[in-house]
PDB file of N, CA and C in Angstrom:
ATOM      1  N   LEU A   1     -87.702  28.755   5.504  1.00  0.00           N
ATOM      2  CA  LEU A   1     -87.546  27.941   6.689  1.00  0.00           C
ATOM      3  C   LEU A   1     -86.180  28.123   7.333  1.00  0.00           C
ATOM      4  N   ALA A   2     -85.185  28.400   6.531  1.00  0.00           N
ATOM      5  CA  ALA A   2     -83.825  28.545   7.044  1.00  0.00           C
ATOM      6  C   ALA A   2     -83.534  29.982   7.470  1.00  0.00           C
ATOM      7  N   ASP A   3     -84.521  30.869   7.321  1.00  0.00           N
ATOM      8  CA  ASP A   3     -84.345  32.280   7.663  1.00  0.00           C
ATOM      9  C   ASP A   3     -83.164  32.893   6.902  1.00  0.00           C
ATOM     10  N   VAL A   4     -83.123  32.583   5.595  1.00  0.00           N
ATOM     11  CA  VAL A   4     -82.063  33.099   4.724  1.00  0.00           C
ATOM     12  C   VAL A   4     -82.712  33.933   3.631  1.00  0.00           C
ATOM     13  N   ASN A   5     -82.084  35.020   3.266  1.00  0.00           N
ATOM     14  CA  ASN A   5     -82.586  35.883   2.206  1.00  0.00           C
ATOM     15  C   ASN A   5     -82.560  35.129   0.872  1.00  0.00           C
ATOM     16  N   ALA A   6     -83.656  35.175   0.132  1.00  0.00           N
ATOM     17  CA  ALA A   6     -83.749  34.467  -1.151  1.00  0.00           C
ATOM     18  C   ALA A   6     -82.681  34.950  -2.129  1.00  0.00           C
ATOM     19  N   GLY A   7     -82.322  36.223  -2.084  1.00  0.00           N
ATOM     20  CA  GLY A   7     -81.273  36.745  -2.954  1.00  0.00           C
ATOM     21  C   GLY A   7     -79.924  36.098  -2.683  1.00  0.00           C
ATOM     22  N   ASP A   8     -79.648  35.803  -1.419  1.00  0.00           N
ATOM     23  CA  ASP A   8     -78.398  35.135  -1.068  1.00  0.00           C
ATOM     24  C   ASP A   8     -78.349  33.727  -1.647  1.00  0.00           C
ATOM     25  N   ILE A   9     -79.485  33.039  -1.626  1.00  0.00           N
ATOM     26  CA  ILE A   9     -79.541  31.682  -2.180  1.00  0.00           C
ATOM     27  C   ILE A   9     -79.400  31.731  -3.699  1.00  0.00           C
ATOM     28  N   LEU A  10     -80.055  32.693  -4.354  1.00  0.00           N
ATOM     29  CA  LEU A  10     -79.948  32.822  -5.808  1.00  0.00           C
ATOM     30  C   LEU A  10     -78.522  33.118  -6.240  1.00  0.00           C
ATOM     31  N   ALA A  11     -77.767  33.829  -5.433  1.00  0.00           N
ATOM     32  CA  ALA A  11     -76.377  34.143  -5.775  1.00  0.00           C
ATOM     33  C   ALA A  11     -75.526  32.875  -5.827  1.00  0.00           C
ATOM     34  N   LEU A  12     -75.937  31.836  -5.125  1.00  0.00           N
ATOM     35  CA  LEU A  12     -75.205  30.575  -5.115  1.00  0.00           C
ATOM     36  C   LEU A  12     -75.625  29.629  -6.234  1.00  0.00           C
ATOM     37  N   ALA A  13     -76.743  29.912  -6.878  1.00  0.00           N
ATOM     38  CA  ALA A  13     -77.315  29.002  -7.867  1.00  0.00           C
ATOM     39  C   ALA A  13     -76.759  29.264  -9.264  1.00  0.00           C
ATOM     40  N   TRP A  14     -76.701  28.195 -10.068  1.00  0.00           N
ATOM     41  CA  TRP A  14     -76.402  28.337 -11.495  1.00  0.00           C
ATOM     42  C   TRP A  14     -77.697  28.745 -12.162  1.00  0.00           C
ATOM     43  N   ARG A  15     -77.671  29.793 -12.958  1.00  0.00           N
ATOM     44  CA  ARG A  15     -78.868  30.280 -13.635  1.00  0.00           C
ATOM     45  C   ARG A  15     -78.669  30.261 -15.140  1.00  0.00           C
ATOM     46  N   ARG A  16     -79.754  30.040 -15.852  1.00  0.00           N
ATOM     47  CA  ARG A  16     -79.690  30.059 -17.317  1.00  0.00           C
ATOM     48  C   ARG A  16     -79.244  31.441 -17.780  1.00  0.00           C
ATOM     49  N   SER A  17     -78.518  31.440 -18.871  1.00  0.00           N
ATOM     50  CA  SER A  17     -78.008  32.681 -19.438  1.00  0.00           C
ATOM     51  C   SER A  17     -78.447  32.783 -20.891  1.00  0.00           C
ATOM     52  N   ASN A  18     -78.564  33.987 -21.392  1.00  0.00           N
ATOM     53  CA  ASN A  18     -78.880  34.190 -22.811  1.00  0.00           C
ATOM     54  C   ASN A  18     -77.647  33.986 -23.675  1.00  0.00           C
ATOM     55  N   PHE A  19     -76.483  33.932 -23.058  1.00  0.00           N
ATOM     56  CA  PHE A  19     -75.232  33.728 -23.780  1.00  0.00           C
ATOM     57  C   PHE A  19     -75.201  32.310 -24.340  1.00  0.00           C
ATOM     58  N   LYS A  20     -74.617  32.140 -25.515  1.00  0.00           N
ATOM     59  CA  LYS A  20     -74.503  30.828 -26.156  1.00  0.00           C
ATOM     60  C   LYS A  20     -73.046  30.548 -26.490  1.00  0.00           C
ATOM     61  N   PHE A  21     -72.650  29.288 -26.368  1.00  0.00           N
ATOM     62  CA  PHE A  21     -71.358  28.811 -26.847  1.00  0.00           C
ATOM     63  C   PHE A  21     -71.647  28.020 -28.112  1.00  0.00           C
ATOM     64  N   GLY A  22     -71.608  28.696 -29.248  1.00  0.00           N
ATOM     65  CA  GLY A  22     -72.055  28.070 -30.491  1.00  0.00           C
ATOM     66  C   GLY A  22     -73.538  27.792 -30.367  1.00  0.00           C
ATOM     67  N   ASN A  23     -73.911  26.511 -30.409  1.00  0.00           N
ATOM     68  CA  ASN A  23     -75.325  26.147 -30.242  1.00  0.00           C
ATOM     69  C   ASN A  23     -75.603  25.598 -28.848  1.00  0.00           C
ATOM     70  N   LEU A  24     -74.631  25.687 -27.922  1.00  0.00           N
ATOM     71  CA  LEU A  24     -74.796  25.168 -26.564  1.00  0.00           C
ATOM     72  C   LEU A  24     -75.375  26.222 -25.632  1.00  0.00           C
ATOM     73  N   ALA A  25     -76.361  25.837 -24.849  1.00  0.00           N
ATOM     74  CA  ALA A  25     -76.933  26.726 -23.843  1.00  0.00           C
ATOM     75  C   ALA A  25     -75.896  26.988 -22.758  1.00  0.00           C
ATOM     76  N   ALA A  26     -76.022  28.119 -22.105  1.00  0.00           N
ATOM     77  CA  ALA A  26     -75.065  28.490 -21.069  1.00  0.00           C
ATOM     78  C   ALA A  26     -75.778  28.753 -19.746  1.00  0.00           C
ATOM     79  N   VAL A  27     -75.012  28.623 -18.676  1.00  0.00           N
ATOM     80  CA  VAL A  27     -75.485  28.982 -17.341  1.00  0.00           C
ATOM     81  C   VAL A  27     -74.459  29.929 -16.731  1.00  0.00           C
ATOM     82  N   SER A  28     -74.903  30.714 -15.757  1.00  0.00           N
ATOM     83  CA  SER A  28     -73.978  31.644 -15.119  1.00  0.00           C
ATOM     84  C   SER A  28     -74.153  31.620 -13.613  1.00  0.00           C
ATOM     85  N   ARG A  29     -73.073  31.953 -12.940  1.00  0.00           N
ATOM     86  CA  ARG A  29     -73.058  32.071 -11.484  1.00  0.00           C
ATOM     87  C   ARG A  29     -72.067  33.171 -11.179  1.00  0.00           C
ATOM     88  N   ASN A  30     -72.505  34.205 -10.463  1.00  0.00           N
ATOM     89  CA  ASN A  30     -71.684  35.385 -10.234  1.00  0.00           C
ATOM     90  C   ASN A  30     -71.200  35.908 -11.584  1.00  0.00           C
ATOM     91  N   GLU A  31     -69.930  36.000 -11.828  1.00  0.00           N
ATOM     92  CA  GLU A  31     -69.403  36.524 -13.096  1.00  0.00           C
ATOM     93  C   GLU A  31     -68.955  35.420 -14.054  1.00  0.00           C
ATOM     94  N   LEU A  32     -69.169  34.164 -13.694  1.00  0.00           N
ATOM     95  CA  LEU A  32     -68.715  33.032 -14.500  1.00  0.00           C
ATOM     96  C   LEU A  32     -69.855  32.504 -15.365  1.00  0.00           C
ATOM     97  N   THR A  33     -69.619  32.380 -16.670  1.00  0.00           N
ATOM     98  CA  THR A  33     -70.589  31.801 -17.603  1.00  0.00           C
ATOM     99  C   THR A  33     -69.926  30.617 -18.282  1.00  0.00           C
ATOM    100  N   ILE A  34     -70.608  29.451 -18.240  1.00  0.00           N
ATOM    101  CA  ILE A  34     -70.060  28.232 -18.829  1.00  0.00           C
ATOM    102  C   ILE A  34     -71.145  27.503 -19.620  1.00  0.00           C
ATOM    103  N   PRO A  35     -70.760  26.626 -20.547  1.00  0.00           N
ATOM    104  CA  PRO A  35     -71.764  25.813 -21.238  1.00  0.00           C
ATOM    105  C   PRO A  35     -72.460  24.885 -20.232  1.00  0.00           C
ATOM    106  N   LEU A  36     -73.750  24.783 -20.341  1.00  0.00           N
ATOM    107  CA  LEU A  36     -74.534  23.902 -19.465  1.00  0.00           C
ATOM    108  C   LEU A  36     -74.023  22.473 -19.549  1.00  0.00           C
ATOM    109  N   GLU A  37     -73.506  22.100 -20.693  1.00  0.00           N
ATOM    110  CA  GLU A  37     -72.994  20.754 -20.937  1.00  0.00           C
ATOM    111  C   GLU A  37     -71.836  20.385 -19.989  1.00  0.00           C
ATOM    112  N   LEU A  38     -71.147  21.363 -19.430  1.00  0.00           N
ATOM    113  CA  LEU A  38     -70.023  21.093 -18.525  1.00  0.00           C
ATOM    114  C   LEU A  38     -70.435  20.806 -17.085  1.00  0.00           C
ATOM    115  N   LEU A  39     -71.709  21.029 -16.761  1.00  0.00           N
ATOM    116  CA  LEU A  39     -72.176  20.792 -15.391  1.00  0.00           C
ATOM    117  C   LEU A  39     -72.650  19.366 -15.199  1.00  0.00           C
ATOM    118  N   ARG A  40     -72.261  18.782 -14.077  1.00  0.00           N
ATOM    119  CA  ARG A  40     -72.773  17.451 -13.720  1.00  0.00           C
ATOM    120  C   ARG A  40     -74.215  17.611 -13.263  1.00  0.00           C
ATOM    121  N   THR A  41     -75.058  16.656 -13.622  1.00  0.00           N
ATOM    122  CA  THR A  41     -76.462  16.732 -13.228  1.00  0.00           C
ATOM    123  C   THR A  41     -76.911  15.530 -12.402  1.00  0.00           C
ATOM    124  N   ASP A  42     -76.252  14.396 -12.550  1.00  0.00           N
ATOM    125  CA  ASP A  42     -76.700  13.191 -11.841  1.00  0.00           C
ATOM    126  C   ASP A  42     -76.193  13.130 -10.408  1.00  0.00           C
ATOM    127  N   ASN A  43     -74.883  13.169 -10.235  1.00  0.00           N
ATOM    128  CA  ASN A  43     -74.321  13.150  -8.893  1.00  0.00           C
ATOM    129  C   ASN A  43     -73.068  14.010  -8.882  1.00  0.00           C
ATOM    130  N   ILE A  44     -72.709  14.477  -7.720  1.00  0.00           N
ATOM    131  CA  ILE A  44     -71.554  15.357  -7.575  1.00  0.00           C
ATOM    132  C   ILE A  44     -70.481  14.613  -6.794  1.00  0.00           C
ATOM    133  N   PRO A  45     -69.347  14.301  -7.423  1.00  0.00           N
ATOM    134  CA  PRO A  45     -68.272  13.645  -6.681  1.00  0.00           C
ATOM    135  C   PRO A  45     -67.645  14.626  -5.693  1.00  0.00           C
ATOM    136  N   VAL A  46     -67.065  14.101  -4.638  1.00  0.00           N
ATOM    137  CA  VAL A  46     -66.523  14.932  -3.568  1.00  0.00           C
ATOM    138  C   VAL A  46     -65.116  14.492  -3.196  1.00  0.00           C
ATOM    139  N   CYS A  47     -64.413  15.369  -2.530  1.00  0.00           N
ATOM    140  CA  CYS A  47     -63.130  15.028  -1.921  1.00  0.00           C
ATOM    141  C   CYS A  47     -63.423  14.747  -0.448  1.00  0.00           C
ATOM    142  N   ILE A  48     -63.177  13.534  -0.015  1.00  0.00           N
ATOM    143  CA  ILE A  48     -63.470  13.133   1.354  1.00  0.00           C
ATOM    144  C   ILE A  48     -62.696  13.993   2.356  1.00  0.00           C
ATOM    145  N   LYS A  49     -61.450  14.311   2.027  1.00  0.00           N
ATOM    146  CA  LYS A  49     -60.627  15.128   2.932  1.00  0.00           C
ATOM    147  C   LYS A  49     -61.184  16.541   3.053  1.00  0.00           C
ATOM    148  N   CYS A  50     -61.634  17.109   1.939  1.00  0.00           N
ATOM    149  CA  CYS A  50     -62.246  18.445   1.992  1.00  0.00           C
ATOM    150  C   CYS A  50     -63.513  18.427   2.846  1.00  0.00           C
ATOM    151  N   LEU A  51     -64.336  17.392   2.676  1.00  0.00           N
ATOM    152  CA  LEU A  51     -65.571  17.309   3.448  1.00  0.00           C
ATOM    153  C   LEU A  51     -65.302  17.150   4.942  1.00  0.00           C
ATOM    154  N   SER A  52     -64.196  16.518   5.294  1.00  0.00           N
ATOM    155  CA  SER A  52     -63.876  16.388   6.720  1.00  0.00           C
ATOM    156  C   SER A  52     -63.444  17.736   7.302  1.00  0.00           C
ATOM    157  N   GLU A  53     -62.971  18.640   6.448  1.00  0.00           N
ATOM    158  CA  GLU A  53     -62.557  19.972   6.891  1.00  0.00           C
ATOM    159  C   GLU A  53     -63.710  20.969   6.890  1.00  0.00           C
ATOM    160  N   SER A  54     -64.661  20.802   5.951  1.00  0.00           N
ATOM    161  CA  SER A  54     -65.777  21.734   5.814  1.00  0.00           C
ATOM    162  C   SER A  54     -66.935  21.036   5.119  1.00  0.00           C
ATOM    163  N   SER A  55     -68.149  21.397   5.475  1.00  0.00           N
ATOM    164  CA  SER A  55     -69.317  20.770   4.847  1.00  0.00           C
ATOM    165  C   SER A  55     -69.743  21.495   3.570  1.00  0.00           C
ATOM    166  N   CYS A  56     -69.049  22.552   3.192  1.00  0.00           N
ATOM    167  CA  CYS A  56     -69.372  23.296   1.971  1.00  0.00           C
ATOM    168  C   CYS A  56     -68.941  22.512   0.733  1.00  0.00           C
ATOM    169  N   ILE A  57     -69.760  22.573  -0.295  1.00  0.00           N
ATOM    170  CA  ILE A  57     -69.464  21.915  -1.568  1.00  0.00           C
ATOM    171  C   ILE A  57     -68.976  23.001  -2.537  1.00  0.00           C
ATOM    172  N   PRO A  58     -67.705  22.983  -2.939  1.00  0.00           N
ATOM    173  CA  PRO A  58     -67.205  23.993  -3.871  1.00  0.00           C
ATOM    174  C   PRO A  58     -67.878  23.864  -5.239  1.00  0.00           C
ATOM    175  N   PHE A  59     -68.088  24.984  -5.909  1.00  0.00           N
ATOM    176  CA  PHE A  59     -68.775  24.956  -7.202  1.00  0.00           C
ATOM    177  C   PHE A  59     -68.019  24.145  -8.228  1.00  0.00           C
ATOM    178  N   TYR A  60     -66.694  24.100  -8.153  1.00  0.00           N
ATOM    179  CA  TYR A  60     -65.935  23.396  -9.188  1.00  0.00           C
ATOM    180  C   TYR A  60     -66.121  21.884  -9.121  1.00  0.00           C
ATOM    181  N   TRP A  61     -66.633  21.340  -8.036  1.00  0.00           N
ATOM    182  CA  TRP A  61     -66.955  19.908  -7.997  1.00  0.00           C
ATOM    183  C   TRP A  61     -68.109  19.593  -8.949  1.00  0.00           C
ATOM    184  N   HIS A  62     -68.892  20.588  -9.287  1.00  0.00           N
ATOM    185  CA  HIS A  62     -70.025  20.418 -10.199  1.00  0.00           C
ATOM    186  C   HIS A  62     -69.583  20.377 -11.660  1.00  0.00           C
ATOM    187  N   LEU A  63     -68.348  20.733 -11.940  1.00  0.00           N
ATOM    188  CA  LEU A  63     -67.849  20.789 -13.319  1.00  0.00           C
ATOM    189  C   LEU A  63     -67.317  19.428 -13.751  1.00  0.00           C
ATOM    190  N   LYS A  64     -67.794  18.917 -14.875  1.00  0.00           N
ATOM    191  CA  LYS A  64     -67.385  17.600 -15.371  1.00  0.00           C
ATOM    192  C   LYS A  64     -65.880  17.445 -15.551  1.00  0.00           C
ATOM    193  N   PRO A  65     -65.162  18.450 -16.040  1.00  0.00           N
ATOM    194  CA  PRO A  65     -63.722  18.263 -16.219  1.00  0.00           C
ATOM    195  C   PRO A  65     -62.944  18.160 -14.902  1.00  0.00           C
ATOM    196  N   TYR A  66     -63.509  18.607 -13.800  1.00  0.00           N
ATOM    197  CA  TYR A  66     -62.811  18.574 -12.512  1.00  0.00           C
ATOM    198  C   TYR A  66     -62.929  17.172 -11.922  1.00  0.00           C
ATOM    199  N   LYS A  67     -61.845  16.435 -11.897  1.00  0.00           N
ATOM    200  CA  LYS A  67     -61.886  15.031 -11.490  1.00  0.00           C
ATOM    201  C   LYS A  67     -61.060  14.733 -10.246  1.00  0.00           C
ATOM    202  N   ALA A  68     -60.172  15.656  -9.843  1.00  0.00           N
ATOM    203  CA  ALA A  68     -59.314  15.432  -8.679  1.00  0.00           C
ATOM    204  C   ALA A  68     -59.198  16.725  -7.884  1.00  0.00           C
ATOM    205  N   CYS A  69     -59.067  16.586  -6.582  1.00  0.00           N
ATOM    206  CA  CYS A  69     -58.938  17.744  -5.693  1.00  0.00           C
ATOM    207  C   CYS A  69     -57.552  18.359  -5.866  1.00  0.00           C
ATOM    208  N   HIS A  70     -57.525  19.628  -6.181  1.00  0.00           N
ATOM    209  CA  HIS A  70     -56.243  20.310  -6.360  1.00  0.00           C
ATOM    210  C   HIS A  70     -55.550  20.556  -5.025  1.00  0.00           C
ATOM    211  N   LYS A  71     -56.309  20.592  -3.948  1.00  0.00           N
ATOM    212  CA  LYS A  71     -55.747  20.845  -2.620  1.00  0.00           C
ATOM    213  C   LYS A  71     -55.097  19.593  -2.020  1.00  0.00           C
ATOM    214  N   HIS A  72     -55.800  18.463  -2.135  1.00  0.00           N
ATOM    215  CA  HIS A  72     -55.325  17.213  -1.516  1.00  0.00           C
ATOM    216  C   HIS A  72     -54.713  16.231  -2.510  1.00  0.00           C
ATOM    217  N   LYS A  73     -54.727  16.593  -3.786  1.00  0.00           N
ATOM    218  CA  LYS A  73     -54.169  15.713  -4.822  1.00  0.00           C
ATOM    219  C   LYS A  73     -54.795  14.325  -4.792  1.00  0.00           C
ATOM    220  N   ALA A  74     -56.124  14.311  -4.584  1.00  0.00           N
ATOM    221  CA  ALA A  74     -56.857  13.040  -4.494  1.00  0.00           C
ATOM    222  C   ALA A  74     -57.996  13.053  -5.501  1.00  0.00           C
ATOM    223  N   GLN A  75     -58.302  11.892  -6.065  1.00  0.00           N
ATOM    224  CA  GLN A  75     -59.401  11.762  -7.012  1.00  0.00           C
ATOM    225  C   GLN A  75     -60.724  11.967  -6.277  1.00  0.00           C
ATOM    226  N   LEU A  76     -61.675  12.640  -6.931  1.00  0.00           N
ATOM    227  CA  LEU A  76     -62.989  12.828  -6.330  1.00  0.00           C
ATOM    228  C   LEU A  76     -63.736  11.516  -6.272  1.00  0.00           C
ATOM    229  N   THR A  77     -64.544  11.343  -5.229  1.00  0.00           N
ATOM    230  CA  THR A  77     -65.281  10.105  -4.985  1.00  0.00           C
ATOM    231  C   THR A  77     -66.779  10.364  -5.129  1.00  0.00           C
ATOM    232  N   THR A  78     -67.482   9.420  -5.774  1.00  0.00           N
ATOM    233  CA  THR A  78     -68.948   9.555  -5.867  1.00  0.00           C
ATOM    234  C   THR A  78     -69.612   8.798  -4.743  1.00  0.00           C
TER     235      THR A  78
END
């Protein structure tokens, strides 16, 4: 519907990986592989200032350890 190549959308998605971190399942995106346990699944907190500059959601907002915007030095908001 968006007239976008499916391969382009898949490149943006986190995909399951055969790689394991001990007994933890992993996901990968581009060249980055991380434990699935580090990804937020319920809601994604955002930096209000970043959203006012761009509507893109950076991948690192999806990571549980990322709690504050490194650019604006502000805590992420849910």
